[in-house]
PDB file of all heavy atoms in Angstrom:
ATOM      1  N   ALA A   1      16.891 162.953 146.325  1.00  0.00           N
ATOM      2  CA  ALA A   1      16.366 162.743 147.690  1.00  0.00           C
ATOM      3  C   ALA A   1      15.798 161.328 147.745  1.00  0.00           C
ATOM      4  O   ALA A   1      15.408 160.751 146.744  1.00  0.00           O
ATOM      5  CB  ALA A   1      15.278 163.787 148.058  1.00  0.00           C
ATOM      6  N   PRO A   2      15.755 160.730 148.939  1.00  0.00           N
ATOM      7  CA  PRO A   2      15.164 159.387 149.075  1.00  0.00           C
ATOM      8  C   PRO A   2      13.674 159.393 148.706  1.00  0.00           C
ATOM      9  O   PRO A   2      12.985 160.349 148.919  1.00  0.00           O
ATOM     10  CB  PRO A   2      15.359 159.071 150.594  1.00  0.00           C
ATOM     11  CG  PRO A   2      16.389 159.999 151.060  1.00  0.00           C
ATOM     12  CD  PRO A   2      16.253 161.231 150.224  1.00  0.00           C
ATOM     13  N   GLU A   3      13.244 158.267 148.116  1.00  0.00           N
ATOM     14  CA  GLU A   3      11.827 158.128 147.831  1.00  0.00           C
ATOM     15  C   GLU A   3      10.989 158.310 149.093  1.00  0.00           C
ATOM     16  O   GLU A   3       9.971 158.997 149.084  1.00  0.00           O
ATOM     17  CB  GLU A   3      11.571 156.748 147.194  1.00  0.00           C
ATOM     18  CG  GLU A   3      12.137 156.538 145.812  1.00  0.00           C
ATOM     19  CD  GLU A   3      11.466 157.459 144.791  1.00  0.00           C
ATOM     20  OE1 GLU A   3      10.286 157.209 144.482  1.00  0.00           O
ATOM     21  OE2 GLU A   3      12.119 158.425 144.311  1.00  0.00           O
ATOM     22  N   VAL A   4      11.423 157.676 150.162  1.00  0.00           N
ATOM     23  CA  VAL A   4      10.784 157.894 151.453  1.00  0.00           C
ATOM     24  C   VAL A   4      11.933 158.152 152.424  1.00  0.00           C
ATOM     25  O   VAL A   4      12.774 157.290 152.696  1.00  0.00           O
ATOM     26  CB  VAL A   4       9.956 156.669 151.941  1.00  0.00           C
ATOM     27  CG1 VAL A   4       9.345 156.969 153.325  1.00  0.00           C
ATOM     28  CG2 VAL A   4       8.893 156.359 150.916  1.00  0.00           C
ATOM     29  N   ALA A   5      12.010 159.354 152.996  1.00  0.00           N
ATOM     30  CA  ALA A   5      13.131 159.748 153.824  1.00  0.00           C
ATOM     31  C   ALA A   5      12.793 159.629 155.326  1.00  0.00           C
ATOM     32  O   ALA A   5      13.627 159.301 156.123  1.00  0.00           O
ATOM     33  CB  ALA A   5      13.527 161.191 153.577  1.00  0.00           C
ATOM     34  N   ALA A   6      11.490 159.861 155.637  1.00  0.00           N
ATOM     35  CA  ALA A   6      11.110 159.846 157.088  1.00  0.00           C
ATOM     36  C   ALA A   6       9.599 159.576 157.192  1.00  0.00           C
ATOM     37  O   ALA A   6       8.875 159.722 156.191  1.00  0.00           O
ATOM     38  CB  ALA A   6      11.466 161.159 157.754  1.00  0.00           C
ATOM     39  N   SER A   7       9.182 159.239 158.352  1.00  0.00           N
ATOM     40  CA  SER A   7       7.738 159.080 158.571  1.00  0.00           C
ATOM     41  C   SER A   7       7.408 159.595 159.950  1.00  0.00           C
ATOM     42  O   SER A   7       8.245 159.621 160.844  1.00  0.00           O
ATOM     43  CB  SER A   7       7.309 157.606 158.469  1.00  0.00           C
ATOM     44  OG  SER A   7       8.056 156.788 159.383  1.00  0.00           O
ATOM     45  N   ILE A   8       6.167 160.049 160.130  1.00  0.00           N
ATOM     46  CA  ILE A   8       5.692 160.542 161.410  1.00  0.00           C
ATOM     47  C   ILE A   8       4.517 159.663 161.825  1.00  0.00           C
ATOM     48  O   ILE A   8       3.582 159.445 161.052  1.00  0.00           O
ATOM     49  CB  ILE A   8       5.279 162.004 161.328  1.00  0.00           C
ATOM     50  CG1 ILE A   8       6.464 162.859 161.010  1.00  0.00           C
ATOM     51  CG2 ILE A   8       4.650 162.455 162.673  1.00  0.00           C
ATOM     52  CD1 ILE A   8       6.186 164.348 160.842  1.00  0.00           C
ATOM     53  N   HIS A   9       4.597 159.119 163.083  1.00  0.00           N
ATOM     54  CA  HIS A   9       3.557 158.197 163.527  1.00  0.00           C
ATOM     55  C   HIS A   9       2.911 158.733 164.777  1.00  0.00           C
ATOM     56  O   HIS A   9       3.593 159.281 165.658  1.00  0.00           O
ATOM     57  CB  HIS A   9       4.177 156.819 163.841  1.00  0.00           C
ATOM     58  CG  HIS A   9       4.897 156.236 162.647  1.00  0.00           C
ATOM     59  ND1 HIS A   9       4.277 155.494 161.711  1.00  0.00           N
ATOM     60  CD2 HIS A   9       6.188 156.330 162.260  1.00  0.00           C
ATOM     61  CE1 HIS A   9       5.123 155.111 160.805  1.00  0.00           C
ATOM     62  NE2 HIS A   9       6.293 155.620 161.105  1.00  0.00           N
ATOM     63  N   ARG A  10       1.581 158.633 164.799  1.00  0.00           N
ATOM     64  CA  ARG A  10       0.838 159.069 165.992  1.00  0.00           C
ATOM     65  C   ARG A  10       0.777 157.902 166.990  1.00  0.00           C
ATOM     66  O   ARG A  10       0.272 156.820 166.662  1.00  0.00           O
ATOM     67  CB  ARG A  10      -0.557 159.506 165.599  1.00  0.00           C
ATOM     68  CG  ARG A  10      -1.336 160.021 166.777  1.00  0.00           C
ATOM     69  CD  ARG A  10      -2.653 160.691 166.316  1.00  0.00           C
ATOM     70  NE  ARG A  10      -3.311 161.337 167.442  1.00  0.00           N
ATOM     71  CZ  ARG A  10      -4.311 162.201 167.347  1.00  0.00           C
ATOM     72  NH1 ARG A  10      -4.762 162.532 166.137  1.00  0.00           N
ATOM     73  NH2 ARG A  10      -4.853 162.724 168.388  1.00  0.00           N
ATOM     74  N   LYS A  11       1.287 158.148 168.191  1.00  0.00           N
ATOM     75  CA  LYS A  11       1.299 157.137 169.261  1.00  0.00           C
ATOM     76  C   LYS A  11       0.277 157.566 170.339  1.00  0.00           C
ATOM     77  O   LYS A  11      -0.316 158.609 170.284  1.00  0.00           O
ATOM     78  CB  LYS A  11       2.675 157.009 169.862  1.00  0.00           C
ATOM     79  CG  LYS A  11       3.793 156.687 168.842  1.00  0.00           C
ATOM     80  CD  LYS A  11       3.681 155.289 168.333  1.00  0.00           C
ATOM     81  CE  LYS A  11       4.844 154.929 167.449  1.00  0.00           C
ATOM     82  NZ  LYS A  11       4.772 153.553 166.944  1.00  0.00           N
ATOM     83  N   SER A  12       0.157 156.680 171.336  1.00  0.00           N
ATOM     84  CA  SER A  12      -0.790 156.949 172.398  1.00  0.00           C
ATOM     85  C   SER A  12      -0.399 158.151 173.209  1.00  0.00           C
ATOM     86  O   SER A  12      -1.268 158.836 173.805  1.00  0.00           O
ATOM     87  CB  SER A  12      -0.928 155.741 173.314  1.00  0.00           C
ATOM     88  OG  SER A  12       0.324 155.437 173.904  1.00  0.00           O
ATOM     89  N   ASP A  13       0.874 158.503 173.234  1.00  0.00           N
ATOM     90  CA  ASP A  13       1.348 159.659 174.033  1.00  0.00           C
ATOM     91  C   ASP A  13       1.932 160.763 173.185  1.00  0.00           C
ATOM     92  O   ASP A  13       2.622 161.612 173.711  1.00  0.00           O
ATOM     93  CB  ASP A  13       2.379 159.198 175.054  1.00  0.00           C
ATOM     94  CG  ASP A  13       3.597 158.550 174.423  1.00  0.00           C
ATOM     95  OD1 ASP A  13       3.557 158.255 173.194  1.00  0.00           O
ATOM     96  OD2 ASP A  13       4.619 158.363 175.077  1.00  0.00           O
ATOM     97  N   GLY A  14       1.667 160.778 171.869  1.00  0.00           N
ATOM     98  CA  GLY A  14       2.136 161.881 171.068  1.00  0.00           C
ATOM     99  C   GLY A  14       2.616 161.405 169.697  1.00  0.00           C
ATOM    100  O   GLY A  14       2.259 160.331 169.234  1.00  0.00           O
ATOM    101  N   TYR A  15       3.441 162.230 169.061  1.00  0.00           N
ATOM    102  CA  TYR A  15       3.925 161.943 167.716  1.00  0.00           C
ATOM    103  C   TYR A  15       5.417 161.636 167.718  1.00  0.00           C
ATOM    104  O   TYR A  15       6.190 162.249 168.498  1.00  0.00           O
ATOM    105  CB  TYR A  15       3.671 163.128 166.796  1.00  0.00           C
ATOM    106  CG  TYR A  15       2.236 163.328 166.462  1.00  0.00           C
ATOM    107  CD1 TYR A  15       1.362 164.015 167.303  1.00  0.00           C
ATOM    108  CD2 TYR A  15       1.685 162.845 165.263  1.00  0.00           C
ATOM    109  CE1 TYR A  15       0.008 164.233 167.001  1.00  0.00           C
ATOM    110  CE2 TYR A  15       0.325 163.058 164.955  1.00  0.00           C
ATOM    111  CZ  TYR A  15      -0.469 163.733 165.837  1.00  0.00           C
ATOM    112  OH  TYR A  15      -1.789 163.907 165.518  1.00  0.00           O
ATOM    113  N   VAL A  16       5.849 160.716 166.862  1.00  0.00           N
ATOM    114  CA  VAL A  16       7.220 160.291 166.801  1.00  0.00           C
ATOM    115  C   VAL A  16       7.680 160.347 165.335  1.00  0.00           C
ATOM    116  O   VAL A  16       6.978 159.873 164.422  1.00  0.00           O
ATOM    117  CB  VAL A  16       7.429 158.843 167.321  1.00  0.00           C
ATOM    118  CG1 VAL A  16       8.870 158.377 167.111  1.00  0.00           C
ATOM    119  CG2 VAL A  16       7.052 158.755 168.823  1.00  0.00           C
ATOM    120  N   LEU A  17       8.839 160.940 165.097  1.00  0.00           N
ATOM    121  CA  LEU A  17       9.458 160.940 163.743  1.00  0.00           C
ATOM    122  C   LEU A  17      10.421 159.793 163.639  1.00  0.00           C
ATOM    123  O   LEU A  17      11.299 159.630 164.519  1.00  0.00           O
ATOM    124  CB  LEU A  17      10.122 162.266 163.444  1.00  0.00           C
ATOM    125  CG  LEU A  17      10.778 162.332 162.022  1.00  0.00           C
ATOM    126  CD1 LEU A  17      10.506 163.703 161.425  1.00  0.00           C
ATOM    127  CD2 LEU A  17      12.272 162.054 162.057  1.00  0.00           C
ATOM    128  N   VAL A  18      10.298 158.970 162.600  1.00  0.00           N
ATOM    129  CA  VAL A  18      11.177 157.838 162.362  1.00  0.00           C
ATOM    130  C   VAL A  18      12.000 158.112 161.116  1.00  0.00           C
ATOM    131  O   VAL A  18      11.461 158.520 160.060  1.00  0.00           O
ATOM    132  CB  VAL A  18      10.334 156.552 162.187  1.00  0.00           C
ATOM    133  CG1 VAL A  18      11.297 155.402 161.828  1.00  0.00           C
ATOM    134  CG2 VAL A  18       9.555 156.213 163.459  1.00  0.00           C
ATOM    135  N   ALA A  19      13.302 157.925 161.213  1.00  0.00           N
ATOM    136  CA  ALA A  19      14.221 158.101 160.045  1.00  0.00           C
ATOM    137  C   ALA A  19      14.169 156.861 159.191  1.00  0.00           C
ATOM    138  O   ALA A  19      14.744 155.838 159.558  1.00  0.00           O
ATOM    139  CB  ALA A  19      15.613 158.422 160.531  1.00  0.00           C
ATOM    140  N   VAL A  20      13.467 156.921 158.053  1.00  0.00           N
ATOM    141  CA  VAL A  20      13.506 155.786 157.134  1.00  0.00           C
ATOM    142  C   VAL A  20      14.911 155.656 156.524  1.00  0.00           C
ATOM    143  O   VAL A  20      15.417 154.552 156.377  1.00  0.00           O
ATOM    144  CB  VAL A  20      12.434 155.973 156.050  1.00  0.00           C
ATOM    145  CG1 VAL A  20      12.488 154.833 155.008  1.00  0.00           C
ATOM    146  CG2 VAL A  20      11.036 156.048 156.668  1.00  0.00           C
ATOM    147  N   LYS A  21      15.522 156.791 156.232  1.00  0.00           N
ATOM    148  CA  LYS A  21      16.941 156.816 155.849  1.00  0.00           C
ATOM    149  C   LYS A  21      17.710 157.410 157.048  1.00  0.00           C
ATOM    150  O   LYS A  21      17.637 158.604 157.280  1.00  0.00           O
ATOM    151  CB  LYS A  21      17.191 157.638 154.603  1.00  0.00           C
ATOM    152  CG  LYS A  21      18.680 157.639 154.178  1.00  0.00           C
ATOM    153  CD  LYS A  21      18.912 158.398 152.890  1.00  0.00           C
ATOM    154  CE  LYS A  21      20.407 158.350 152.554  1.00  0.00           C
ATOM    155  NZ  LYS A  21      20.721 159.079 151.298  1.00  0.00           N
ATOM    156  N   PRO A  22      18.410 156.564 157.800  1.00  0.00           N
ATOM    157  CA  PRO A  22      19.053 157.074 159.022  1.00  0.00           C
ATOM    158  C   PRO A  22      20.011 158.248 158.755  1.00  0.00           C
ATOM    159  O   PRO A  22      20.772 158.234 157.781  1.00  0.00           O
ATOM    160  CB  PRO A  22      19.857 155.853 159.500  1.00  0.00           C
ATOM    161  CG  PRO A  22      19.099 154.687 158.975  1.00  0.00           C
ATOM    162  CD  PRO A  22      18.584 155.119 157.624  1.00  0.00           C
ATOM    163  N   GLY A  23      19.897 159.270 159.565  1.00  0.00           N
ATOM    164  CA  GLY A  23      20.729 160.459 159.514  1.00  0.00           C
ATOM    165  C   GLY A  23      20.322 161.480 158.471  1.00  0.00           C
ATOM    166  O   GLY A  23      20.869 162.573 158.407  1.00  0.00           O
ATOM    167  N   TYR A  24      19.288 161.154 157.657  1.00  0.00           N
ATOM    168  CA  TYR A  24      18.843 162.112 156.643  1.00  0.00           C
ATOM    169  C   TYR A  24      17.924 163.205 157.199  1.00  0.00           C
ATOM    170  O   TYR A  24      18.159 164.364 156.977  1.00  0.00           O
ATOM    171  CB  TYR A  24      18.179 161.346 155.481  1.00  0.00           C
ATOM    172  CG  TYR A  24      17.944 162.212 154.266  1.00  0.00           C
ATOM    173  CD1 TYR A  24      18.989 162.393 153.320  1.00  0.00           C
ATOM    174  CD2 TYR A  24      16.729 162.825 154.010  1.00  0.00           C
ATOM    175  CE1 TYR A  24      18.792 163.180 152.190  1.00  0.00           C
ATOM    176  CE2 TYR A  24      16.540 163.629 152.890  1.00  0.00           C
ATOM    177  CZ  TYR A  24      17.566 163.805 151.988  1.00  0.00           C
ATOM    178  OH  TYR A  24      17.367 164.583 150.855  1.00  0.00           O
ATOM    179  N   PRO A  25      16.895 162.822 157.943  1.00  0.00           N
ATOM    180  CA  PRO A  25      16.079 163.895 158.551  1.00  0.00           C
ATOM    181  C   PRO A  25      16.845 164.527 159.716  1.00  0.00           C
ATOM    182  O   PRO A  25      17.582 163.859 160.421  1.00  0.00           O
ATOM    183  CB  PRO A  25      14.809 163.173 159.004  1.00  0.00           C
ATOM    184  CG  PRO A  25      15.232 161.744 159.183  1.00  0.00           C
ATOM    185  CD  PRO A  25      16.336 161.482 158.184  1.00  0.00           C
ATOM    186  N   VAL A  26      16.623 165.845 159.895  1.00  0.00           N
ATOM    187  CA  VAL A  26      17.257 166.589 160.988  1.00  0.00           C
ATOM    188  C   VAL A  26      16.172 167.303 161.778  1.00  0.00           C
ATOM    189  O   VAL A  26      15.290 167.980 161.210  1.00  0.00           O
ATOM    190  CB  VAL A  26      18.248 167.639 160.409  1.00  0.00           C
ATOM    191  CG1 VAL A  26      18.835 168.471 161.534  1.00  0.00           C
ATOM    192  CG2 VAL A  26      19.344 166.919 159.636  1.00  0.00           C
ATOM    193  N   VAL A  27      16.162 167.100 163.108  1.00  0.00           N
ATOM    194  CA  VAL A  27      15.185 167.767 163.971  1.00  0.00           C
ATOM    195  C   VAL A  27      15.893 168.670 164.891  1.00  0.00           C
ATOM    196  O   VAL A  27      16.783 168.256 165.640  1.00  0.00           O
ATOM    197  CB  VAL A  27      14.315 166.706 164.739  1.00  0.00           C
ATOM    198  CG1 VAL A  27      13.380 167.422 165.716  1.00  0.00           C
ATOM    199  CG2 VAL A  27      13.568 165.836 163.798  1.00  0.00           C
ATOM    200  N   ASN A  28      15.561 169.949 164.838  1.00  0.00           N
ATOM    201  CA  ASN A  28      16.190 170.974 165.673  1.00  0.00           C
ATOM    202  C   ASN A  28      17.727 170.931 165.586  1.00  0.00           C
ATOM    203  O   ASN A  28      18.419 171.023 166.593  1.00  0.00           O
ATOM    204  CB  ASN A  28      15.712 170.846 167.146  1.00  0.00           C
ATOM    205  CG  ASN A  28      14.228 171.016 167.296  1.00  0.00           C
ATOM    206  OD1 ASN A  28      13.611 171.768 166.531  1.00  0.00           O
ATOM    207  ND2 ASN A  28      13.645 170.351 168.249  1.00  0.00           N
ATOM    208  N   GLY A  29      18.230 170.722 164.391  1.00  0.00           N
ATOM    209  CA  GLY A  29      19.671 170.705 164.169  1.00  0.00           C
ATOM    210  C   GLY A  29      20.388 169.427 164.450  1.00  0.00           C
ATOM    211  O   GLY A  29      21.602 169.306 164.260  1.00  0.00           O
ATOM    212  N   GLN A  30      19.625 168.379 164.887  1.00  0.00           N
ATOM    213  CA  GLN A  30      20.236 167.090 165.245  1.00  0.00           C
ATOM    214  C   GLN A  30      19.795 166.028 164.274  1.00  0.00           C
ATOM    215  O   GLN A  30      18.592 165.874 164.000  1.00  0.00           O
ATOM    216  CB  GLN A  30      19.828 166.647 166.654  1.00  0.00           C
ATOM    217  CG  GLN A  30      20.313 167.655 167.738  1.00  0.00           C
ATOM    218  CD  GLN A  30      21.803 167.677 167.883  1.00  0.00           C
ATOM    219  OE1 GLN A  30      22.485 166.649 167.790  1.00  0.00           O
ATOM    220  NE2 GLN A  30      22.363 168.866 168.102  1.00  0.00           N
TER     221      GLN A  30
END
């Protein structure tokens, strides 16, 4: 697995998941 695969960042209007390795994390099947 990647050393760092994804990150979650708290923004002013909520939370955002960022793919550190593009296409590796899957959210709700996508």
